[in-house]
C-alpha atoms as a PDB file:
ATOM      1  CA  MET A   1      36.177  61.918  37.963  1.00  0.00           C
ATOM      2  CA  ALA A   2      33.560  58.859  36.724  1.00  0.00           C
ATOM      3  CA  SER A   3      33.680  56.950  40.254  1.00  0.00           C
ATOM      4  CA  ARG A   4      33.455  53.439  39.982  1.00  0.00           C
ATOM      5  CA  VAL A   5      30.447  51.399  41.318  1.00  0.00           C
ATOM      6  CA  GLN A   6      31.752  48.424  42.736  1.00  0.00           C
ATOM      7  CA  ARG A   7      29.539  45.154  42.662  1.00  0.00           C
ATOM      8  CA  LYS A   8      28.624  44.009  45.946  1.00  0.00           C
ATOM      9  CA  ARG A   9      29.826  40.384  46.311  1.00  0.00           C
ATOM     10  CA  ILE A  10      27.174  37.861  48.229  1.00  0.00           C
ATOM     11  CA  ARG A  11      28.899  35.356  50.383  1.00  0.00           C
ATOM     12  CA  LYS A  12      27.152  31.635  49.472  1.00  0.00           C
ATOM     13  CA  SER A  13      26.940  29.146  51.966  1.00  0.00           C
ATOM     14  CA  PRO A  14      29.468  25.987  50.788  1.00  0.00           C
ATOM     15  CA  ALA A  15      26.218  24.308  50.186  1.00  0.00           C
ATOM     16  CA  ASP A  16      25.252  26.837  48.243  1.00  0.00           C
ATOM     17  CA  ARG A  17      27.796  27.518  46.138  1.00  0.00           C
ATOM     18  CA  ARG A  18      28.494  23.832  45.445  1.00  0.00           C
ATOM     19  CA  ALA A  19      24.618  23.269  44.274  1.00  0.00           C
ATOM     20  CA  GLU A  20      25.360  26.245  41.840  1.00  0.00           C
ATOM     21  CA  ILE A  21      28.023  25.266  40.206  1.00  0.00           C
ATOM     22  CA  VAL A  22      26.478  22.246  39.989  1.00  0.00           C
ATOM     23  CA  ALA A  23      23.895  23.420  38.553  1.00  0.00           C
ATOM     24  CA  SER A  24      26.053  25.694  35.758  1.00  0.00           C
ATOM     25  CA  ALA A  25      27.844  22.186  34.925  1.00  0.00           C
ATOM     26  CA  ALA A  26      24.682  20.768  34.419  1.00  0.00           C
ATOM     27  CA  ARG A  27      23.149  23.313  31.760  1.00  0.00           C
ATOM     28  CA  VAL A  28      26.682  22.904  30.466  1.00  0.00           C
ATOM     29  CA  ALA A  29      26.645  19.521  29.713  1.00  0.00           C
ATOM     30  CA  ILE A  30      23.034  20.062  28.196  1.00  0.00           C
ATOM     31  CA  SER A  31      23.634  22.735  25.563  1.00  0.00           C
ATOM     32  CA  GLU A  32      27.576  21.675  24.876  1.00  0.00           C
ATOM     33  CA  GLY A  33      28.094  18.532  26.011  1.00  0.00           C
ATOM     34  CA  LEU A  34      30.500  16.758  28.909  1.00  0.00           C
ATOM     35  CA  GLU A  35      33.620  17.686  27.175  1.00  0.00           C
ATOM     36  CA  ALA A  36      33.283  21.128  27.642  1.00  0.00           C
ATOM     37  CA  ILE A  37      32.755  21.583  31.452  1.00  0.00           C
ATOM     38  CA  THR A  38      36.187  22.367  32.736  1.00  0.00           C
ATOM     39  CA  LEU A  39      37.127  24.603  35.622  1.00  0.00           C
ATOM     40  CA  ARG A  40      37.747  27.731  33.823  1.00  0.00           C
ATOM     41  CA  ARG A  41      34.413  27.494  31.963  1.00  0.00           C
ATOM     42  CA  ILE A  42      31.999  26.823  35.078  1.00  0.00           C
ATOM     43  CA  GLY A  43      34.142  29.763  37.010  1.00  0.00           C
ATOM     44  CA  GLU A  44      33.612  32.329  33.968  1.00  0.00           C
ATOM     45  CA  LEU A  45      29.994  31.293  33.803  1.00  0.00           C
ATOM     46  CA  LEU A  46      29.313  32.148  37.423  1.00  0.00           C
ATOM     47  CA  ASP A  47      31.915  34.958  38.026  1.00  0.00           C
ATOM     48  CA  ILE A  48      33.831  33.044  40.224  1.00  0.00           C
ATOM     49  CA  ARG A  49      38.162  31.995  40.657  1.00  0.00           C
ATOM     50  CA  PRO A  50      38.631  29.115  39.040  1.00  0.00           C
ATOM     51  CA  GLY A  51      40.173  27.761  42.392  1.00  0.00           C
ATOM     52  CA  LEU A  52      37.197  28.227  44.013  1.00  0.00           C
ATOM     53  CA  VAL A  53      35.643  26.074  41.728  1.00  0.00           C
ATOM     54  CA  SER A  54      38.198  23.203  42.083  1.00  0.00           C
ATOM     55  CA  HIS A  55      38.119  23.969  46.042  1.00  0.00           C
ATOM     56  CA  TYR A  56      34.869  21.863  45.661  1.00  0.00           C
ATOM     57  CA  PHE A  57      35.722  19.910  42.844  1.00  0.00           C
ATOM     58  CA  PRO A  58      39.886  19.215  42.758  1.00  0.00           C
ATOM     59  CA  ALA A  59      39.161  16.973  39.928  1.00  0.00           C
ATOM     60  CA  VAL A  60      36.937  18.063  37.127  1.00  0.00           C
ATOM     61  CA  GLU A  61      36.326  14.129  36.544  1.00  0.00           C
ATOM     62  CA  ASP A  62      34.340  14.618  39.791  1.00  0.00           C
ATOM     63  CA  LEU A  63      32.153  17.522  38.141  1.00  0.00           C
ATOM     64  CA  VAL A  64      31.285  15.968  35.115  1.00  0.00           C
ATOM     65  CA  ALA A  65      30.073  13.166  36.978  1.00  0.00           C
ATOM     66  CA  GLU A  66      28.188  15.159  39.352  1.00  0.00           C
ATOM     67  CA  ALA A  67      26.673  17.260  36.422  1.00  0.00           C
ATOM     68  CA  PHE A  68      25.768  14.823  34.384  1.00  0.00           C
ATOM     69  CA  GLY A  69      23.603  13.001  37.492  1.00  0.00           C
ATOM     70  CA  ASN A  70      22.100  16.463  38.201  1.00  0.00           C
ATOM     71  CA  ALA A  71      20.835  16.492  35.047  1.00  0.00           C
ATOM     72  CA  ALA A  72      19.623  12.751  34.411  1.00  0.00           C
ATOM     73  CA  THR A  73      17.704  12.956  38.075  1.00  0.00           C
ATOM     74  CA  ALA A  74      15.879  16.186  37.485  1.00  0.00           C
ATOM     75  CA  GLU A  75      14.991  14.686  34.047  1.00  0.00           C
ATOM     76  CA  LEU A  76      13.914  11.171  36.107  1.00  0.00           C
ATOM     77  CA  ASP A  77      11.484  13.218  38.689  1.00  0.00           C
ATOM     78  CA  GLY A  78       9.969  15.318  35.819  1.00  0.00           C
ATOM     79  CA  LEU A  79       8.551  12.078  34.233  1.00  0.00           C
ATOM     80  CA  LEU A  80       8.220  10.006  36.914  1.00  0.00           C
ATOM     81  CA  PRO A  81       8.284  12.069  40.329  1.00  0.00           C
ATOM     82  CA  PRO A  82       8.565   9.518  43.164  1.00  0.00           C
ATOM     83  CA  GLY A  83       6.169   8.770  45.899  1.00  0.00           C
ATOM     84  CA  GLN A  84       3.406  10.432  43.744  1.00  0.00           C
ATOM     85  CA  ARG A  85      -0.069  10.444  45.370  1.00  0.00           C
ATOM     86  CA  THR A  86      -2.471  11.286  42.637  1.00  0.00           C
ATOM     87  CA  GLY A  87      -3.741   9.551  39.715  1.00  0.00           C
ATOM     88  CA  THR A  88      -3.024   5.299  38.967  1.00  0.00           C
ATOM     89  CA  PRO A  89      -0.289   3.562  38.024  1.00  0.00           C
ATOM     90  CA  SER A  90      -1.799   3.647  34.664  1.00  0.00           C
ATOM     91  CA  GLN A  91      -2.248   7.410  34.998  1.00  0.00           C
ATOM     92  CA  HIS A  92       1.339   7.774  36.019  1.00  0.00           C
ATOM     93  CA  LEU A  93       2.745   5.578  33.035  1.00  0.00           C
ATOM     94  CA  THR A  94       0.522   7.284  30.395  1.00  0.00           C
ATOM     95  CA  ARG A  95       1.752  10.750  31.585  1.00  0.00           C
ATOM     96  CA  PHE A  96       5.959   9.102  31.132  1.00  0.00           C
ATOM     97  CA  PHE A  97       5.408   8.409  27.977  1.00  0.00           C
ATOM     98  CA  ALA A  98       3.564  11.581  26.589  1.00  0.00           C
ATOM     99  CA  GLN A  99       6.354  13.719  28.615  1.00  0.00           C
ATOM    100  CA  ALA A 100       8.877  11.922  27.586  1.00  0.00           C
ATOM    101  CA  THR A 101       8.906  12.882  23.841  1.00  0.00           C
ATOM    102  CA  GLY A 102       9.646  15.871  21.514  1.00  0.00           C
ATOM    103  CA  GLU A 103      12.401  18.219  20.947  1.00  0.00           C
ATOM    104  CA  ALA A 104      11.840  19.247  25.370  1.00  0.00           C
ATOM    105  CA  TYR A 105      13.773  16.010  25.602  1.00  0.00           C
ATOM    106  CA  ASP A 106      15.866  15.678  22.490  1.00  0.00           C
ATOM    107  CA  ALA A 107      19.160  17.776  24.520  1.00  0.00           C
ATOM    108  CA  ILE A 108      19.004  15.052  27.469  1.00  0.00           C
ATOM    109  CA  SER A 109      18.796  12.358  25.422  1.00  0.00           C
ATOM    110  CA  ARG A 110      21.918  13.469  23.489  1.00  0.00           C
ATOM    111  CA  LEU A 111      23.844  13.750  27.091  1.00  0.00           C
ATOM    112  CA  TRP A 112      22.730  10.129  27.562  1.00  0.00           C
ATOM    113  CA  ILE A 113      24.427   9.708  24.678  1.00  0.00           C
ATOM    114  CA  ASN A 114      27.675  11.941  25.367  1.00  0.00           C
ATOM    115  CA  ALA A 115      27.515   9.921  29.009  1.00  0.00           C
ATOM    116  CA  ARG A 116      27.153   6.194  27.828  1.00  0.00           C
ATOM    117  CA  HIS A 117      30.572   7.311  25.469  1.00  0.00           C
ATOM    118  CA  LEU A 118      33.027   9.102  27.509  1.00  0.00           C
ATOM    119  CA  SER A 119      32.325   6.335  30.409  1.00  0.00           C
ATOM    120  CA  ARG A 120      33.787   3.778  28.487  1.00  0.00           C
ATOM    121  CA  TYR A 121      37.160   5.785  29.262  1.00  0.00           C
ATOM    122  CA  ARG A 122      36.203   7.426  33.029  1.00  0.00           C
ATOM    123  CA  PRO A 123      35.232   5.135  35.492  1.00  0.00           C
ATOM    124  CA  VAL A 124      33.711   8.352  37.996  1.00  0.00           C
ATOM    125  CA  LEU A 125      31.488   8.803  35.167  1.00  0.00           C
ATOM    126  CA  ARG A 126      31.039   4.910  34.658  1.00  0.00           C
ATOM    127  CA  GLU A 127      30.018   4.405  38.201  1.00  0.00           C
ATOM    128  CA  ARG A 128      27.771   7.704  37.941  1.00  0.00           C
ATOM    129  CA  VAL A 129      25.687   6.397  34.810  1.00  0.00           C
ATOM    130  CA  ALA A 130      25.376   3.144  35.985  1.00  0.00           C
ATOM    131  CA  GLU A 131      23.917   4.572  39.419  1.00  0.00           C
ATOM    132  CA  GLN A 132      21.358   6.577  37.134  1.00  0.00           C
ATOM    133  CA  GLU A 133      20.150   3.782  35.027  1.00  0.00           C
ATOM    134  CA  ALA A 134      19.731   1.725  37.735  1.00  0.00           C
ATOM    135  CA  ALA A 135      17.576   4.527  39.583  1.00  0.00           C
ATOM    136  CA  TRP A 136      16.056   4.821  35.860  1.00  0.00           C
ATOM    137  CA  ARG A 137      14.539   0.978  36.399  1.00  0.00           C
ATOM    138  CA  GLU A 138      13.485   1.227  39.660  1.00  0.00           C
ATOM    139  CA  ARG A 139      11.353   4.377  39.384  1.00  0.00           C
ATOM    140  CA  LEU A 140      10.020   2.568  36.366  1.00  0.00           C
ATOM    141  CA  ALA A 141       9.464  -0.920  38.154  1.00  0.00           C
ATOM    142  CA  ASP A 142       7.864   0.317  40.974  1.00  0.00           C
ATOM    143  CA  VAL A 143       5.265   2.108  39.113  1.00  0.00           C
ATOM    144  CA  ILE A 144       4.609  -1.415  37.687  1.00  0.00           C
ATOM    145  CA  ARG A 145       4.996  -3.539  40.504  1.00  0.00           C
ATOM    146  CA  ALA A 146       2.087  -0.366  41.664  1.00  0.00           C
ATOM    147  CA  GLY A 147       0.055  -1.455  38.576  1.00  0.00           C
ATOM    148  CA  ALA A 148      -0.032  -5.091  38.895  1.00  0.00           C
ATOM    149  CA  GLU A 149      -0.617  -4.877  42.788  1.00  0.00           C
ATOM    150  CA  ARG A 150      -4.190  -2.466  41.705  1.00  0.00           C
ATOM    151  CA  GLY A 151      -4.918  -5.127  39.128  1.00  0.00           C
ATOM    152  CA  GLU A 152      -4.309  -2.804  36.574  1.00  0.00           C
ATOM    153  CA  PHE A 153      -1.476  -4.618  34.832  1.00  0.00           C
ATOM    154  CA  ARG A 154      -0.647  -7.863  34.381  1.00  0.00           C
ATOM    155  CA  THR A 155       3.478  -9.411  34.617  1.00  0.00           C
ATOM    156  CA  ASP A 156       5.743 -11.934  36.028  1.00  0.00           C
ATOM    157  CA  ASP A 157       8.518  -9.689  36.639  1.00  0.00           C
ATOM    158  CA  ALA A 158       8.289  -5.810  37.451  1.00  0.00           C
ATOM    159  CA  TYR A 159      12.207  -5.370  36.850  1.00  0.00           C
ATOM    160  CA  VAL A 160      12.568  -7.204  33.408  1.00  0.00           C
ATOM    161  CA  THR A 161       9.492  -5.264  32.152  1.00  0.00           C
ATOM    162  CA  ALA A 162      10.751  -2.272  33.062  1.00  0.00           C
ATOM    163  CA  VAL A 163      13.855  -3.269  31.639  1.00  0.00           C
ATOM    164  CA  GLN A 164      12.099  -4.756  28.506  1.00  0.00           C
ATOM    165  CA  ILE A 165      10.673  -0.747  28.006  1.00  0.00           C
ATOM    166  CA  LEU A 166      13.487   0.945  28.761  1.00  0.00           C
ATOM    167  CA  VAL A 167      15.600  -0.614  26.184  1.00  0.00           C
ATOM    168  CA  VAL A 168      13.370   0.222  23.484  1.00  0.00           C
ATOM    169  CA  ILE A 169      12.993   3.821  25.311  1.00  0.00           C
ATOM    170  CA  ASP A 170      16.679   3.514  24.163  1.00  0.00           C
ATOM    171  CA  GLY A 171      16.827   2.286  21.235  1.00  0.00           C
ATOM    172  CA  LEU A 172      14.621   5.067  19.653  1.00  0.00           C
ATOM    173  CA  ALA A 173      16.068   7.536  21.213  1.00  0.00           C
ATOM    174  CA  ALA A 174      19.407   6.603  19.372  1.00  0.00           C
ATOM    175  CA  HIS A 175      17.546   6.267  15.943  1.00  0.00           C
ATOM    176  CA  ALA A 176      16.321   9.361  16.293  1.00  0.00           C
ATOM    177  CA  ASN A 177      19.872  10.675  17.466  1.00  0.00           C
ATOM    178  CA  THR A 178      20.797   9.811  13.983  1.00  0.00           C
ATOM    179  CA  GLY A 179      18.705  12.416  11.991  1.00  0.00           C
ATOM    180  CA  THR A 180      16.789   9.775  10.256  1.00  0.00           C
ATOM    181  CA  ASP A 181      12.555  10.463   9.985  1.00  0.00           C
ATOM    182  CA  SER A 182      10.906   8.651  13.030  1.00  0.00           C
ATOM    183  CA  THR A 183       7.178  10.164  12.897  1.00  0.00           C
ATOM    184  CA  VAL A 184       5.865   6.671  11.489  1.00  0.00           C
ATOM    185  CA  PRO A 185       3.409   5.984  13.806  1.00  0.00           C
ATOM    186  CA  ARG A 186       4.712   2.356  14.193  1.00  0.00           C
ATOM    187  CA  VAL A 187       7.655   3.548  15.486  1.00  0.00           C
ATOM    188  CA  THR A 188       6.738   6.178  17.359  1.00  0.00           C
ATOM    189  CA  ARG A 189       4.445   3.694  19.108  1.00  0.00           C
ATOM    190  CA  MET A 190       6.985   1.196  19.605  1.00  0.00           C
ATOM    191  CA  ALA A 191       7.518   2.095  23.715  1.00  0.00           C
ATOM    192  CA  ALA A 192       4.020   2.140  24.119  1.00  0.00           C
ATOM    193  CA  ALA A 193       3.152  -0.536  22.112  1.00  0.00           C
ATOM    194  CA  THR A 194       5.799  -2.511  24.399  1.00  0.00           C
ATOM    195  CA  ALA A 195       4.628  -1.520  27.598  1.00  0.00           C
ATOM    196  CA  GLU A 196       0.795  -2.143  26.428  1.00  0.00           C
ATOM    197  CA  ARG A 197       2.097  -5.864  25.432  1.00  0.00           C
ATOM    198  CA  GLU A 198       4.319  -6.702  28.335  1.00  0.00           C
ATOM    199  CA  LEU A 199       1.744  -5.372  30.882  1.00  0.00           C
ATOM    200  CA  GLY A 200      -1.350  -7.081  29.222  1.00  0.00           C
ATOM    201  CA  LEU A 201      -3.159  -4.289  28.193  1.00  0.00           C
ATOM    202  CA  PRO A 202      -4.888  -3.919  24.678  1.00  0.00           C
ATOM    203  CA  ASP A 203      -3.647  -2.507  21.895  1.00  0.00           C
ATOM    204  CA  GLY A 204      -3.982   1.603  22.095  1.00  0.00           C
ATOM    205  CA  ALA A 205      -4.479   1.712  25.697  1.00  0.00           C
ATOM    206  CA  LEU A 206      -1.226   3.922  25.906  1.00  0.00           C
ATOM    207  CA  ALA A 207      -2.198   5.555  22.731  1.00  0.00           C
ATOM    208  CA  ASP A 208      -2.364   8.934  23.807  1.00  0.00           C
ATOM    209  CA  SER A 209       0.889   8.323  25.409  1.00  0.00           C
ATOM    210  CA  ALA A 210       2.748   8.225  22.522  1.00  0.00           C
ATOM    211  CA  PRO A 211       2.574  11.610  20.047  1.00  0.00           C
ATOM    212  CA  GLY A 212       6.276  11.154  19.250  1.00  0.00           C
ATOM    213  CA  ALA A 213       9.612   8.999  19.651  1.00  0.00           C
ATOM    214  CA  PRO A 214      10.639   8.220  23.147  1.00  0.00           C
ATOM    215  CA  ARG A 215      13.549   9.522  24.318  1.00  0.00           C
ATOM    216  CA  GLY A 216      16.137   7.052  25.458  1.00  0.00           C
ATOM    217  CA  ARG A 217      17.222   5.982  29.560  1.00  0.00           C
ATOM    218  CA  GLY A 218      17.988   3.382  31.576  1.00  0.00           C
END
């Protein structure tokens, strides 16, 4: 008679289990959309009972908001790391524009569009979207302020300049997600050109930072 080998389950701490649930939900959000997040689906992916998922997130709306926040924060920290200690503000902006482009950010761009649409009807998600948008504005404004203090940039209001740049990026993201060809150089450089103009930089100063249309945020 064949013996059955039973997998030994590892008991995780509440903090680790919660983080695992959120990370799994974030992956579903990016690949399939926020609507695909259910307690049953996450339970199946992690091979745990839906009841255990609901223990940490009694309302699925809380998990949806947490998943979006997790994905959006990871993106922000990747593009504009907090407390950057190496490089100049100009280099940080160059890196920001360079990395916020291309197919790697198509999925997260779609997630932002998805979240903004659903937030009209879901108050918890709406609050999280607003928090993430504010985080983006402040993080970018901090880089601009640092550049202004070093004499690299010229701006009367770093916050307003950050908003202007992000509005252009969001517009380009929406345009890219329509499937319309957005490879025209004057289009792909629009966000970098806006940054150059608003920060008193010469045309082309951030040229290497814009090989493709940036994906929208904030």
